[in-house]
């Protein structure tokens, strides 16, 4: 006699799909698309926030980006994590020789990345 395994259970329906809102757009979205179609898993909120910024020019509510702003030219960016914000700030300071201000809700005030003294 051959032992047969019982059929696998179908995947459980996700009943706690994250929802994100934007007071500027006066809308709210469930992140089903990011989970089911894009399959970004626990990065669904981040992916939605980046897409929202790219297409509307602003982040949704409760997303606190790291903002880097050049003190001498109109260049700057916003990131959802500290590391890429710091990388941009240091690269801009090094290549453009401009000071860059880094701001985030988690740091007291702001910090300034200054251009290096030499090209070493």
Protein backbone atom coordinates (compact mmCIF):
# COMPACT_ATOMS: atom_id res chain seq x y z
CA UNK A 1 0.00 0.00 0.00
CA UNK A 2 1.29 3.46 -0.93
CA UNK A 3 0.97 6.21 1.64
CA UNK A 4 -0.61 9.25 0.08
CA UNK A 5 -0.19 12.69 1.53
CA UNK A 6 -3.36 14.65 2.09
CA UNK A 7 -3.87 17.43 -0.45
CA UNK A 8 -2.20 20.71 0.46
CA UNK A 9 -4.46 23.32 1.92
CA UNK A 10 -5.11 26.30 -0.34
CA UNK A 11 -3.38 29.50 0.72
CA UNK A 12 -5.21 31.38 3.39
CA UNK A 13 -6.93 34.57 2.41
CA UNK A 14 -5.19 37.62 3.79
CA UNK A 15 -7.71 39.44 5.91
CA UNK A 16 -5.44 42.17 7.22
CA UNK A 17 -4.30 43.86 4.02
CA UNK A 18 -2.49 47.10 4.91
CA UNK A 19 -4.29 50.31 4.13
CA UNK A 20 -2.57 53.61 3.48
CA UNK A 21 -4.14 57.04 3.23
CA UNK A 22 -3.25 60.42 1.81
CA UNK A 23 -4.92 63.55 3.10
CA UNK A 24 -3.60 65.57 0.16
CA UNK A 25 -5.37 63.25 -2.30
CA UNK A 26 -8.26 62.68 0.12
CA UNK A 27 -8.08 58.95 -0.63
CA UNK A 28 -7.31 55.63 1.00
CA UNK A 29 -5.88 52.51 -0.64
CA UNK A 30 -5.64 48.85 0.31
CA UNK A 31 -2.30 47.43 -0.72
CA UNK A 32 -3.70 44.28 -2.33
CA UNK A 33 -2.06 45.13 -5.67
CA UNK A 34 1.39 45.46 -4.08
CA UNK A 35 0.94 42.14 -2.28
CA UNK A 36 -0.78 40.05 -4.98
CA UNK A 37 0.52 41.47 -8.26
CA UNK A 38 3.90 43.00 -7.38
CA UNK A 39 4.57 40.39 -4.69
CA UNK A 40 6.65 42.80 -2.62
CA UNK A 41 5.58 41.26 0.68
CA UNK A 42 6.59 43.24 3.77
CA UNK A 43 7.81 46.08 1.53
CA UNK A 44 4.27 46.82 0.28
CA UNK A 45 3.97 50.10 2.20
CA UNK A 46 7.41 51.23 1.06
CA UNK A 47 6.68 50.35 -2.59
CA UNK A 48 3.34 52.14 -2.49
CA UNK A 49 4.89 55.21 -0.86
CA UNK A 50 7.64 55.42 -3.48
CA UNK A 51 5.17 54.97 -6.33
CA UNK A 52 2.85 57.56 -4.79
CA UNK A 53 5.68 60.10 -4.51
CA UNK A 54 6.83 59.39 -8.06
CA UNK A 55 3.36 59.96 -9.51
CA UNK A 56 1.96 62.70 -7.26
CA UNK A 57 5.01 64.55 -5.99
CA UNK A 58 4.28 63.85 -2.32
CA UNK A 59 4.36 60.96 0.13
CA UNK A 60 1.21 59.51 1.67
CA UNK A 61 0.30 60.22 5.29
CA UNK A 62 2.48 58.77 8.04
CA UNK A 63 5.44 58.21 5.71
CA UNK A 64 8.35 60.20 7.07
CA UNK A 65 11.08 60.41 4.44
CA UNK A 66 14.72 61.26 4.94
CA UNK A 67 15.12 64.54 3.04
CA UNK A 68 18.47 65.65 1.66
CA UNK A 69 18.78 69.19 0.33
CA UNK A 70 21.77 70.91 -1.21
CA UNK A 71 22.57 74.29 0.35
CA UNK A 72 23.87 75.74 -2.93
CA UNK A 73 21.83 74.32 -5.80
CA UNK A 74 18.22 73.18 -6.21
CA UNK A 75 19.22 69.51 -6.03
CA UNK A 76 17.79 67.22 -3.37
CA UNK A 77 15.95 63.95 -2.83
CA UNK A 78 13.72 62.12 -0.37
CA UNK A 79 14.31 58.53 0.76
CA UNK A 80 12.48 56.14 3.03
CA UNK A 81 15.66 54.88 4.68
CA UNK A 82 18.64 56.64 6.20
CA UNK A 83 21.38 54.79 4.34
CA UNK A 84 20.49 55.89 0.77
CA UNK A 85 19.86 59.44 2.01
CA UNK A 86 23.31 59.55 3.58
CA UNK A 87 24.87 58.05 0.47
CA UNK A 88 23.27 60.72 -1.72
CA UNK A 89 24.36 63.48 0.67
CA UNK A 90 27.96 62.30 0.82
CA UNK A 91 28.16 61.72 -2.96
CA UNK A 92 26.73 65.17 -3.72
CA UNK A 93 29.05 66.84 -1.21
CA UNK A 94 32.02 65.01 -2.70
CA UNK A 95 31.26 65.53 -6.39
CA UNK A 96 29.58 68.95 -6.37
CA UNK A 97 31.54 70.27 -3.37
CA UNK A 98 28.29 71.54 -1.86
CA UNK A 99 27.10 71.13 1.72
CA UNK A 100 23.97 68.99 2.07
CA UNK A 101 21.36 69.15 4.83
CA UNK A 102 19.87 65.84 6.02
CA UNK A 103 16.51 65.98 7.83
CA UNK A 104 14.26 63.36 9.37
CA UNK A 105 11.72 63.25 12.15
CA UNK A 106 13.94 60.86 14.14
CA UNK A 107 16.89 63.26 14.42
CA UNK A 108 16.89 66.41 16.46
CA UNK A 109 16.95 69.27 13.99
CA UNK A 110 19.12 68.56 10.99
CA UNK A 111 22.65 67.52 10.20
CA UNK A 112 24.92 68.92 7.56
CA UNK A 113 27.25 66.89 5.37
CA UNK A 114 30.12 69.11 4.32
CA UNK A 115 32.31 68.64 1.24
CA UNK A 116 35.62 66.92 1.95
CA UNK A 117 38.69 69.08 2.47
CA UNK A 118 40.65 67.16 -0.19
CA UNK A 119 40.03 64.59 -2.92
CA UNK A 120 41.68 61.76 -0.96
